[in-house]
Amino acid sequence: VFALQQAASSEPPLLIIENAHELNPSALRALCELAELRVR
């Protein structure tokens, strides 16, 4: 909801993940969900 609201009102937010190789597999799946969020 936050990302969609930001993208609609100003510009898409930027998420930077350091040590991405150490994320839990379930966390990677969550990132995949967020990666599919679209605006116009």
PDB file of all heavy atoms in Angstrom:
ATOM      1  N   VAL A   1       0.840  -1.198   0.000  1.00  0.00           N
ATOM      2  CA  VAL A   1       0.000   0.000   0.000  1.00  0.00           C
ATOM      3  C   VAL A   1       0.874   1.247   0.000  1.00  0.00           C
ATOM      4  O   VAL A   1       0.611   2.222  -0.713  1.00  0.00           O
ATOM      5  CB  VAL A   1      -0.956  -0.021   1.210  1.00  0.00           C
ATOM      6  CG1 VAL A   1      -1.649   1.338   1.367  1.00  0.00           C
ATOM      7  CG2 VAL A   1      -1.994  -1.118   1.053  1.00  0.00           C
ATOM      8  N   PHE A   2       1.934   1.233   0.818  1.00  0.00           N
ATOM      9  CA  PHE A   2       2.836   2.381   0.870  1.00  0.00           C
ATOM     10  C   PHE A   2       3.454   2.666  -0.492  1.00  0.00           C
ATOM     11  O   PHE A   2       3.469   3.805  -0.965  1.00  0.00           O
ATOM     12  CB  PHE A   2       3.945   2.135   1.904  1.00  0.00           C
ATOM     13  CG  PHE A   2       5.063   3.137   1.831  1.00  0.00           C
ATOM     14  CD1 PHE A   2       4.917   4.398   2.391  1.00  0.00           C
ATOM     15  CD2 PHE A   2       6.252   2.829   1.196  1.00  0.00           C
ATOM     16  CE1 PHE A   2       5.950   5.328   2.314  1.00  0.00           C
ATOM     17  CE2 PHE A   2       7.282   3.755   1.116  1.00  0.00           C
ATOM     18  CZ  PHE A   2       7.124   5.010   1.681  1.00  0.00           C
ATOM     19  N   ALA A   3       3.984   1.622  -1.137  1.00  0.00           N
ATOM     20  CA  ALA A   3       4.647   1.806  -2.429  1.00  0.00           C
ATOM     21  C   ALA A   3       3.676   2.344  -3.470  1.00  0.00           C
ATOM     22  O   ALA A   3       4.003   3.272  -4.228  1.00  0.00           O
ATOM     23  CB  ALA A   3       5.260   0.489  -2.889  1.00  0.00           C
ATOM     24  N   LEU A   4       2.489   1.780  -3.526  1.00  0.00           N
ATOM     25  CA  LEU A   4       1.504   2.221  -4.511  1.00  0.00           C
ATOM     26  C   LEU A   4       1.079   3.657  -4.257  1.00  0.00           C
ATOM     27  O   LEU A   4       0.912   4.450  -5.191  1.00  0.00           O
ATOM     28  CB  LEU A   4       0.287   1.292  -4.496  1.00  0.00           C
ATOM     29  CG  LEU A   4       0.535  -0.130  -5.036  1.00  0.00           C
ATOM     30  CD1 LEU A   4      -0.665  -1.022  -4.762  1.00  0.00           C
ATOM     31  CD2 LEU A   4       0.836  -0.098  -6.538  1.00  0.00           C
ATOM     32  N   GLN A   5       0.897   4.013  -2.986  1.00  0.00           N
ATOM     33  CA  GLN A   5       0.496   5.374  -2.649  1.00  0.00           C
ATOM     34  C   GLN A   5       1.577   6.378  -3.011  1.00  0.00           C
ATOM     35  O   GLN A   5       1.315   7.445  -3.563  1.00  0.00           O
ATOM     36  CB  GLN A   5       0.145   5.448  -1.155  1.00  0.00           C
ATOM     37  CG  GLN A   5      -0.425   6.797  -0.706  1.00  0.00           C
ATOM     38  CD  GLN A   5       0.665   7.741  -0.235  1.00  0.00           C
ATOM     39  OE1 GLN A   5       1.688   7.296   0.281  1.00  0.00           O
ATOM     40  NE2 GLN A   5       0.458   9.037  -0.404  1.00  0.00           N
ATOM     41  N   GLN A   6       2.835   6.029  -2.706  1.00  0.00           N
ATOM     42  CA  GLN A   6       3.954   6.911  -3.037  1.00  0.00           C
ATOM     43  C   GLN A   6       4.094   7.081  -4.550  1.00  0.00           C
ATOM     44  O   GLN A   6       4.306   8.180  -5.053  1.00  0.00           O
ATOM     45  CB  GLN A   6       5.250   6.344  -2.460  1.00  0.00           C
ATOM     46  CG  GLN A   6       5.367   6.443  -0.959  1.00  0.00           C
ATOM     47  CD  GLN A   6       5.718   7.833  -0.495  1.00  0.00           C
ATOM     48  OE1 GLN A   6       6.732   8.384  -0.870  1.00  0.00           O
ATOM     49  NE2 GLN A   6       4.856   8.414   0.311  1.00  0.00           N
ATOM     50  N   ALA A   7       3.990   5.966  -5.269  1.00  0.00           N
ATOM     51  CA  ALA A   7       4.130   6.014  -6.721  1.00  0.00           C
ATOM     52  C   ALA A   7       3.041   6.860  -7.355  1.00  0.00           C
ATOM     53  O   ALA A   7       3.268   7.542  -8.360  1.00  0.00           O
ATOM     54  CB  ALA A   7       4.113   4.599  -7.301  1.00  0.00           C
ATOM     55  N   ALA A   8       1.851   6.829  -6.783  1.00  0.00           N
ATOM     56  CA  ALA A   8       0.731   7.584  -7.335  1.00  0.00           C
ATOM     57  C   ALA A   8       0.822   9.073  -7.005  1.00  0.00           C
ATOM     58  O   ALA A   8       0.456   9.916  -7.819  1.00  0.00           O
ATOM     59  CB  ALA A   8      -0.583   7.010  -6.813  1.00  0.00           C
ATOM     60  N   SER A   9       1.319   9.413  -5.799  1.00  0.00           N
ATOM     61  CA  SER A   9       1.314  10.802  -5.360  1.00  0.00           C
ATOM     62  C   SER A   9       2.585  11.561  -5.691  1.00  0.00           C
ATOM     63  O   SER A   9       2.560  12.783  -5.835  1.00  0.00           O
ATOM     64  CB  SER A   9       1.068  10.873  -3.846  1.00  0.00           C
ATOM     65  OG  SER A   9       2.142  10.270  -3.133  1.00  0.00           O
ATOM     66  N   SER A  10       3.727  10.883  -5.800  1.00  0.00           N
ATOM     67  CA  SER A  10       4.970  11.587  -6.118  1.00  0.00           C
ATOM     68  C   SER A  10       5.812  10.758  -7.081  1.00  0.00           C
ATOM     69  O   SER A  10       5.762  10.954  -8.285  1.00  0.00           O
ATOM     70  CB  SER A  10       5.745  11.911  -4.832  1.00  0.00           C
ATOM     71  OG  SER A  10       5.987  10.763  -4.064  1.00  0.00           O
ATOM     72  N   GLU A  11       6.596   9.819  -6.578  1.00  0.00           N
ATOM     73  CA  GLU A  11       7.369   8.923  -7.415  1.00  0.00           C
ATOM     74  C   GLU A  11       7.602   7.624  -6.665  1.00  0.00           C
ATOM     75  O   GLU A  11       7.540   7.578  -5.429  1.00  0.00           O
ATOM     76  CB  GLU A  11       8.695   9.546  -7.835  1.00  0.00           C
ATOM     77  CG  GLU A  11       9.647   9.850  -6.697  1.00  0.00           C
ATOM     78  CD  GLU A  11      10.952  10.428  -7.216  1.00  0.00           C
ATOM     79  OE1 GLU A  11      11.648   9.722  -7.943  1.00  0.00           O
ATOM     80  OE2 GLU A  11      11.264  11.585  -6.877  1.00  0.00           O
ATOM     81  N   PRO A  12       7.863   6.527  -7.379  1.00  0.00           N
ATOM     82  CA  PRO A  12       8.059   5.247  -6.710  1.00  0.00           C
ATOM     83  C   PRO A  12       9.216   5.300  -5.717  1.00  0.00           C
ATOM     84  O   PRO A  12      10.258   5.889  -6.005  1.00  0.00           O
ATOM     85  CB  PRO A  12       8.371   4.285  -7.866  1.00  0.00           C
ATOM     86  CG  PRO A  12       7.763   4.924  -9.064  1.00  0.00           C
ATOM     87  CD  PRO A  12       7.910   6.402  -8.852  1.00  0.00           C
ATOM     88  N   PRO A  13       9.044   4.725  -4.531  1.00  0.00           N
ATOM     89  CA  PRO A  13      10.138   4.682  -3.567  1.00  0.00           C
ATOM     90  C   PRO A  13      11.254   3.747  -4.040  1.00  0.00           C
ATOM     91  O   PRO A  13      11.047   2.901  -4.919  1.00  0.00           O
ATOM     92  CB  PRO A  13       9.467   4.156  -2.289  1.00  0.00           C
ATOM     93  CG  PRO A  13       8.270   3.411  -2.766  1.00  0.00           C
ATOM     94  CD  PRO A  13       7.817   4.089  -4.023  1.00  0.00           C
ATOM     95  N   LEU A  14      12.414   3.912  -3.439  1.00  0.00           N
ATOM     96  CA  LEU A  14      13.583   3.107  -3.784  1.00  0.00           C
ATOM     97  C   LEU A  14      13.987   2.275  -2.575  1.00  0.00           C
ATOM     98  O   LEU A  14      14.198   2.811  -1.485  1.00  0.00           O
ATOM     99  CB  LEU A  14      14.743   4.007  -4.209  1.00  0.00           C
ATOM    100  CG  LEU A  14      16.097   3.329  -4.493  1.00  0.00           C
ATOM    101  CD1 LEU A  14      15.989   2.396  -5.688  1.00  0.00           C
ATOM    102  CD2 LEU A  14      17.185   4.373  -4.720  1.00  0.00           C
ATOM    103  N   LEU A  15      14.102   0.966  -2.771  1.00  0.00           N
ATOM    104  CA  LEU A  15      14.514   0.044  -1.724  1.00  0.00           C
ATOM    105  C   LEU A  15      15.879  -0.536  -2.083  1.00  0.00           C
ATOM    106  O   LEU A  15      16.046  -1.148  -3.131  1.00  0.00           O
ATOM    107  CB  LEU A  15      13.486  -1.082  -1.567  1.00  0.00           C
ATOM    108  CG  LEU A  15      13.861  -2.243  -0.623  1.00  0.00           C
ATOM    109  CD1 LEU A  15      14.075  -1.745   0.792  1.00  0.00           C
ATOM    110  CD2 LEU A  15      12.777  -3.323  -0.658  1.00  0.00           C
ATOM    111  N   ILE A  16      16.860  -0.344  -1.193  1.00  0.00           N
ATOM    112  CA  ILE A  16      18.200  -0.884  -1.385  1.00  0.00           C
ATOM    113  C   ILE A  16      18.461  -1.906  -0.288  1.00  0.00           C
ATOM    114  O   ILE A  16      18.361  -1.586   0.896  1.00  0.00           O
ATOM    115  CB  ILE A  16      19.265   0.224  -1.352  1.00  0.00           C
ATOM    116  CG1 ILE A  16      18.971   1.285  -2.434  1.00  0.00           C
ATOM    117  CG2 ILE A  16      20.658  -0.365  -1.564  1.00  0.00           C
ATOM    118  CD1 ILE A  16      19.925   2.462  -2.415  1.00  0.00           C
ATOM    119  N   ILE A  17      18.786  -3.125  -0.676  1.00  0.00           N
ATOM    120  CA  ILE A  17      19.048  -4.216   0.262  1.00  0.00           C
ATOM    121  C   ILE A  17      20.529  -4.553   0.226  1.00  0.00           C
ATOM    122  O   ILE A  17      21.035  -5.027  -0.791  1.00  0.00           O
ATOM    123  CB  ILE A  17      18.237  -5.481  -0.077  1.00  0.00           C
ATOM    124  CG1 ILE A  17      16.740  -5.170  -0.209  1.00  0.00           C
ATOM    125  CG2 ILE A  17      18.484  -6.566   0.980  1.00  0.00           C
ATOM    126  CD1 ILE A  17      16.012  -4.971   1.017  1.00  0.00           C
ATOM    127  N   GLU A  18      21.249  -4.296   1.311  1.00  0.00           N
ATOM    128  CA  GLU A  18      22.630  -4.738   1.434  1.00  0.00           C
ATOM    129  C   GLU A  18      22.662  -6.171   1.928  1.00  0.00           C
ATOM    130  O   GLU A  18      21.732  -6.637   2.582  1.00  0.00           O
ATOM    131  CB  GLU A  18      23.407  -3.831   2.382  1.00  0.00           C
ATOM    132  CG  GLU A  18      23.607  -2.416   1.861  1.00  0.00           C
ATOM    133  CD  GLU A  18      24.506  -1.589   2.740  1.00  0.00           C
ATOM    134  OE1 GLU A  18      24.203  -1.420   3.938  1.00  0.00           O
ATOM    135  OE2 GLU A  18      25.539  -1.105   2.239  1.00  0.00           O
ATOM    136  N   ASN A  19      23.762  -6.888   1.626  1.00  0.00           N
ATOM    137  CA  ASN A  19      23.890  -8.299   2.005  1.00  0.00           C
ATOM    138  C   ASN A  19      22.675  -9.110   1.548  1.00  0.00           C
ATOM    139  O   ASN A  19      22.151  -9.958   2.276  1.00  0.00           O
ATOM    140  CB  ASN A  19      24.082  -8.440   3.524  1.00  0.00           C
ATOM    141  CG  ASN A  19      25.397  -7.844   4.003  1.00  0.00           C
ATOM    142  OD1 ASN A  19      26.453  -8.175   3.474  1.00  0.00           O
ATOM    143  ND2 ASN A  19      25.331  -6.955   4.983  1.00  0.00           N
ATOM    144  N   ALA A  20      22.259  -8.856   0.320  1.00  0.00           N
ATOM    145  CA  ALA A  20      21.066  -9.524  -0.202  1.00  0.00           C
ATOM    146  C   ALA A  20      21.252 -11.035  -0.275  1.00  0.00           C
ATOM    147  O   ALA A  20      20.279 -11.782  -0.197  1.00  0.00           O
ATOM    148  CB  ALA A  20      20.720  -8.966  -1.584  1.00  0.00           C
ATOM    149  N   HIS A  21      22.486 -11.497  -0.416  1.00  0.00           N
ATOM    150  CA  HIS A  21      22.747 -12.937  -0.506  1.00  0.00           C
ATOM    151  C   HIS A  21      22.460 -13.654   0.801  1.00  0.00           C
ATOM    152  O   HIS A  21      22.351 -14.878   0.820  1.00  0.00           O
ATOM    153  CB  HIS A  21      24.203 -13.182  -0.911  1.00  0.00           C
ATOM    154  CG  HIS A  21      25.205 -12.650   0.071  1.00  0.00           C
ATOM    155  ND1 HIS A  21      25.485 -11.315   0.196  1.00  0.00           N
ATOM    156  CD2 HIS A  21      25.971 -13.282   0.995  1.00  0.00           C
ATOM    157  CE1 HIS A  21      26.381 -11.134   1.139  1.00  0.00           C
ATOM    158  NE2 HIS A  21      26.697 -12.308   1.644  1.00  0.00           N
ATOM    159  N   GLU A  22      22.328 -12.927   1.906  1.00  0.00           N
ATOM    160  CA  GLU A  22      22.078 -13.533   3.201  1.00  0.00           C
ATOM    161  C   GLU A  22      20.617 -13.467   3.618  1.00  0.00           C
ATOM    162  O   GLU A  22      20.274 -13.810   4.751  1.00  0.00           O
ATOM    163  CB  GLU A  22      22.967 -12.897   4.269  1.00  0.00           C
ATOM    164  CG  GLU A  22      24.448 -13.158   4.048  1.00  0.00           C
ATOM    165  CD  GLU A  22      25.286 -12.880   5.269  1.00  0.00           C
ATOM    166  OE1 GLU A  22      24.786 -13.096   6.382  1.00  0.00           O
ATOM    167  OE2 GLU A  22      26.434 -12.449   5.120  1.00  0.00           O
ATOM    168  N   LEU A  23      19.745 -13.024   2.731  1.00  0.00           N
ATOM    169  CA  LEU A  23      18.321 -13.032   3.028  1.00  0.00           C
ATOM    170  C   LEU A  23      17.801 -14.463   3.127  1.00  0.00           C
ATOM    171  O   LEU A  23      18.208 -15.351   2.368  1.00  0.00           O
ATOM    172  CB  LEU A  23      17.537 -12.291   1.949  1.00  0.00           C
ATOM    173  CG  LEU A  23      17.573 -10.760   1.977  1.00  0.00           C
ATOM    174  CD1 LEU A  23      16.933 -10.217   0.706  1.00  0.00           C
ATOM    175  CD2 LEU A  23      16.829 -10.210   3.193  1.00  0.00           C
ATOM    176  N   ASN A  24      16.872 -14.669   4.044  1.00  0.00           N
ATOM    177  CA  ASN A  24      16.184 -15.940   4.149  1.00  0.00           C
ATOM    178  C   ASN A  24      15.384 -16.201   2.865  1.00  0.00           C
ATOM    179  O   ASN A  24      14.867 -15.263   2.257  1.00  0.00           O
ATOM    180  CB  ASN A  24      15.259 -15.886   5.372  1.00  0.00           C
ATOM    181  CG  ASN A  24      14.515 -17.136   5.657  1.00  0.00           C
ATOM    182  OD1 ASN A  24      13.594 -17.463   4.939  1.00  0.00           O
ATOM    183  ND2 ASN A  24      14.894 -17.816   6.723  1.00  0.00           N
ATOM    184  N   PRO A  25      15.277 -17.474   2.417  1.00  0.00           N
ATOM    185  CA  PRO A  25      14.496 -17.750   1.203  1.00  0.00           C
ATOM    186  C   PRO A  25      13.088 -17.182   1.233  1.00  0.00           C
ATOM    187  O   PRO A  25      12.578 -16.703   0.210  1.00  0.00           O
ATOM    188  CB  PRO A  25      14.488 -19.282   1.126  1.00  0.00           C
ATOM    189  CG  PRO A  25      15.782 -19.677   1.766  1.00  0.00           C
ATOM    190  CD  PRO A  25      15.979 -18.693   2.887  1.00  0.00           C
ATOM    191  N   SER A  26      12.430 -17.213   2.400  1.00  0.00           N
ATOM    192  CA  SER A  26      11.081 -16.653   2.481  1.00  0.00           C
ATOM    193  C   SER A  26      11.094 -15.151   2.254  1.00  0.00           C
ATOM    194  O   SER A  26      10.162 -14.585   1.670  1.00  0.00           O
ATOM    195  CB  SER A  26      10.457 -16.983   3.843  1.00  0.00           C
ATOM    196  OG  SER A  26      11.154 -16.333   4.906  1.00  0.00           O
ATOM    197  N   ALA A  27      12.151 -14.471   2.719  1.00  0.00           N
ATOM    198  CA  ALA A  27      12.271 -13.039   2.486  1.00  0.00           C
ATOM    199  C   ALA A  27      12.466 -12.742   1.002  1.00  0.00           C
ATOM    200  O   ALA A  27      11.948 -11.756   0.483  1.00  0.00           O
ATOM    201  CB  ALA A  27      13.429 -12.472   3.305  1.00  0.00           C
ATOM    202  N   LEU A  28      13.192 -13.591   0.313  1.00  0.00           N
ATOM    203  CA  LEU A  28      13.356 -13.433  -1.133  1.00  0.00           C
ATOM    204  C   LEU A  28      12.018 -13.556  -1.850  1.00  0.00           C
ATOM    205  O   LEU A  28      11.740 -12.831  -2.808  1.00  0.00           O
ATOM    206  CB  LEU A  28      14.343 -14.467  -1.674  1.00  0.00           C
ATOM    207  CG  LEU A  28      15.810 -14.232  -1.327  1.00  0.00           C
ATOM    208  CD1 LEU A  28      16.641 -15.456  -1.698  1.00  0.00           C
ATOM    209  CD2 LEU A  28      16.360 -13.001  -2.031  1.00  0.00           C
ATOM    210  N   ARG A  29      11.170 -14.470  -1.389  1.00  0.00           N
ATOM    211  CA  ARG A  29       9.840 -14.605  -1.994  1.00  0.00           C
ATOM    212  C   ARG A  29       9.015 -13.341  -1.785  1.00  0.00           C
ATOM    213  O   ARG A  29       8.263 -12.925  -2.670  1.00  0.00           O
ATOM    214  CB  ARG A  29       9.114 -15.827  -1.420  1.00  0.00           C
ATOM    215  CG  ARG A  29       9.665 -17.158  -1.905  1.00  0.00           C
ATOM    216  CD  ARG A  29       8.713 -18.297  -1.603  1.00  0.00           C
ATOM    217  NE  ARG A  29       8.581 -18.554  -0.184  1.00  0.00           N
ATOM    218  CZ  ARG A  29       9.397 -19.323   0.522  1.00  0.00           C
ATOM    219  NH1 ARG A  29      10.429 -19.910  -0.078  1.00  0.00           N
ATOM    220  NH2 ARG A  29       9.201 -19.518   1.802  1.00  0.00           N
ATOM    221  N   ALA A  30       9.157 -12.720  -0.602  1.00  0.00           N
ATOM    222  CA  ALA A  30       8.444 -11.465  -0.347  1.00  0.00           C
ATOM    223  C   ALA A  30       8.922 -10.371  -1.294  1.00  0.00           C
ATOM    224  O   ALA A  30       8.120  -9.581  -1.805  1.00  0.00           O
ATOM    225  CB  ALA A  30       8.628 -11.040   1.110  1.00  0.00           C
ATOM    226  N   LEU A  31      10.233 -10.312  -1.538  1.00  0.00           N
ATOM    227  CA  LEU A  31      10.755  -9.340  -2.488  1.00  0.00           C
ATOM    228  C   LEU A  31      10.191  -9.573  -3.881  1.00  0.00           C
ATOM    229  O   LEU A  31       9.920  -8.628  -4.625  1.00  0.00           O
ATOM    230  CB  LEU A  31      12.284  -9.405  -2.527  1.00  0.00           C
ATOM    231  CG  LEU A  31      13.053  -8.763  -1.369  1.00  0.00           C
ATOM    232  CD1 LEU A  31      14.554  -8.874  -1.629  1.00  0.00           C
ATOM    233  CD2 LEU A  31      12.661  -7.299  -1.173  1.00  0.00           C
ATOM    234  N   CYS A  32      10.022 -10.844  -4.246  1.00  0.00           N
ATOM    235  CA  CYS A  32       9.427 -11.154  -5.546  1.00  0.00           C
ATOM    236  C   CYS A  32       8.008 -10.617  -5.645  1.00  0.00           C
ATOM    237  O   CYS A  32       7.591 -10.109  -6.696  1.00  0.00           O
ATOM    238  CB  CYS A  32       9.444 -12.658  -5.793  1.00  0.00           C
ATOM    239  SG  CYS A  32      11.077 -13.327  -6.185  1.00  0.00           S
ATOM    240  N   GLU A  33       7.245 -10.727  -4.555  1.00  0.00           N
ATOM    241  CA  GLU A  33       5.901 -10.173  -4.542  1.00  0.00           C
ATOM    242  C   GLU A  33       5.941  -8.660  -4.768  1.00  0.00           C
ATOM    243  O   GLU A  33       5.174  -8.111  -5.557  1.00  0.00           O
ATOM    244  CB  GLU A  33       5.219 -10.480  -3.202  1.00  0.00           C
ATOM    245  CG  GLU A  33       4.891 -11.928  -2.970  1.00  0.00           C
ATOM    246  CD  GLU A  33       3.731 -12.394  -3.812  1.00  0.00           C
ATOM    247  OE1 GLU A  33       2.772 -11.623  -4.011  1.00  0.00           O
ATOM    248  OE2 GLU A  33       3.778 -13.543  -4.291  1.00  0.00           O
ATOM    249  N   LEU A  34       6.842  -7.994  -4.085  1.00  0.00           N
ATOM    250  CA  LEU A  34       6.942  -6.547  -4.216  1.00  0.00           C
ATOM    251  C   LEU A  34       7.441  -6.145  -5.599  1.00  0.00           C
ATOM    252  O   LEU A  34       7.073  -5.093  -6.118  1.00  0.00           O
ATOM    253  CB  LEU A  34       7.864  -5.995  -3.130  1.00  0.00           C
ATOM    254  CG  LEU A  34       7.373  -6.173  -1.686  1.00  0.00           C
ATOM    255  CD1 LEU A  34       8.448  -5.734  -0.700  1.00  0.00           C
ATOM    256  CD2 LEU A  34       6.079  -5.408  -1.448  1.00  0.00           C
ATOM    257  N   ALA A  35       8.288  -6.967  -6.195  1.00  0.00           N
ATOM    258  CA  ALA A  35       8.824  -6.669  -7.524  1.00  0.00           C
ATOM    259  C   ALA A  35       7.739  -6.638  -8.592  1.00  0.00           C
ATOM    260  O   ALA A  35       7.919  -6.041  -9.656  1.00  0.00           O
ATOM    261  CB  ALA A  35       9.904  -7.677  -7.896  1.00  0.00           C
ATOM    262  N   GLU A  36       6.626  -7.300  -8.334  1.00  0.00           N
ATOM    263  CA  GLU A  36       5.549  -7.366  -9.322  1.00  0.00           C
ATOM    264  C   GLU A  36       4.530  -6.245  -9.177  1.00  0.00           C
ATOM    265  O   GLU A  36       3.575  -6.184  -9.952  1.00  0.00           O
ATOM    266  CB  GLU A  36       4.857  -8.723  -9.236  1.00  0.00           C
ATOM    267  CG  GLU A  36       5.763  -9.891  -9.641  1.00  0.00           C
ATOM    268  CD  GLU A  36       5.015 -11.159  -9.897  1.00  0.00           C
ATOM    269  OE1 GLU A  36       4.422 -11.698  -8.931  1.00  0.00           O
ATOM    270  OE2 GLU A  36       5.005 -11.627 -11.036  1.00  0.00           O
ATOM    271  N   LEU A  37       4.720  -5.357  -8.203  1.00  0.00           N
ATOM    272  CA  LEU A  37       3.804  -4.231  -8.046  1.00  0.00           C
ATOM    273  C   LEU A  37       3.938  -3.283  -9.230  1.00  0.00           C
ATOM    274  O   LEU A  37       5.039  -2.892  -9.609  1.00  0.00           O
ATOM    275  CB  LEU A  37       4.092  -3.482  -6.744  1.00  0.00           C
ATOM    276  CG  LEU A  37       3.806  -4.215  -5.436  1.00  0.00           C
ATOM    277  CD1 LEU A  37       4.189  -3.340  -4.246  1.00  0.00           C
ATOM    278  CD2 LEU A  37       2.339  -4.602  -5.355  1.00  0.00           C
ATOM    279  N   ARG A  38       2.819  -2.886  -9.806  1.00  0.00           N
ATOM    280  CA  ARG A  38       2.827  -2.036 -10.992  1.00  0.00           C
ATOM    281  C   ARG A  38       1.954  -0.808 -10.801  1.00  0.00           C
ATOM    282  O   ARG A  38       0.927  -0.845 -10.125  1.00  0.00           O
ATOM    283  CB  ARG A  38       2.308  -2.811 -12.217  1.00  0.00           C
ATOM    284  CG  ARG A  38       3.218  -3.974 -12.638  1.00  0.00           C
ATOM    285  CD  ARG A  38       4.495  -3.460 -13.283  1.00  0.00           C
ATOM    286  NE  ARG A  38       5.307  -4.545 -13.817  1.00  0.00           N
ATOM    287  CZ  ARG A  38       6.236  -5.167 -13.108  1.00  0.00           C
ATOM    288  NH1 ARG A  38       6.452  -4.801 -11.843  1.00  0.00           N
ATOM    289  NH2 ARG A  38       6.945  -6.142 -13.660  1.00  0.00           N
ATOM    290  N   VAL A  39       2.398   0.284 -11.392  1.00  0.00           N
ATOM    291  CA  VAL A  39       1.568   1.465 -11.595  1.00  0.00           C
ATOM    292  C   VAL A  39       1.538   1.723 -13.090  1.00  0.00           C
ATOM    293  O   VAL A  39       2.213   1.038 -13.864  1.00  0.00           O
ATOM    294  CB  VAL A  39       2.113   2.684 -10.827  1.00  0.00           C
ATOM    295  CG1 VAL A  39       1.964   2.492  -9.324  1.00  0.00           C
ATOM    296  CG2 VAL A  39       3.577   2.940 -11.186  1.00  0.00           C
ATOM    297  N   ARG A  40       0.790   2.702 -13.510  1.00  0.00           N
ATOM    298  CA  ARG A  40       0.571   2.914 -14.941  1.00  0.00           C
ATOM    299  C   ARG A  40       1.879   3.084 -15.711  1.00  0.00           C
ATOM    300  O   ARG A  40       2.039   2.556 -16.807  1.00  0.00           O
ATOM    301  CB  ARG A  40      -0.311   4.155 -15.139  1.00  0.00           C
ATOM    302  CG  ARG A  40      -0.676   4.419 -16.605  1.00  0.00           C
ATOM    303  CD  ARG A  40      -1.666   5.546 -16.695  1.00  0.00           C
ATOM    304  NE  ARG A  40      -1.144   6.777 -16.130  1.00  0.00           N
ATOM    305  CZ  ARG A  40      -0.409   7.654 -16.801  1.00  0.00           C
ATOM    306  NH1 ARG A  40      -0.125   7.438 -18.072  1.00  0.00           N
ATOM    307  NH2 ARG A  40       0.029   8.749 -16.223  1.00  0.00           N
TER     308      ARG A  40
END
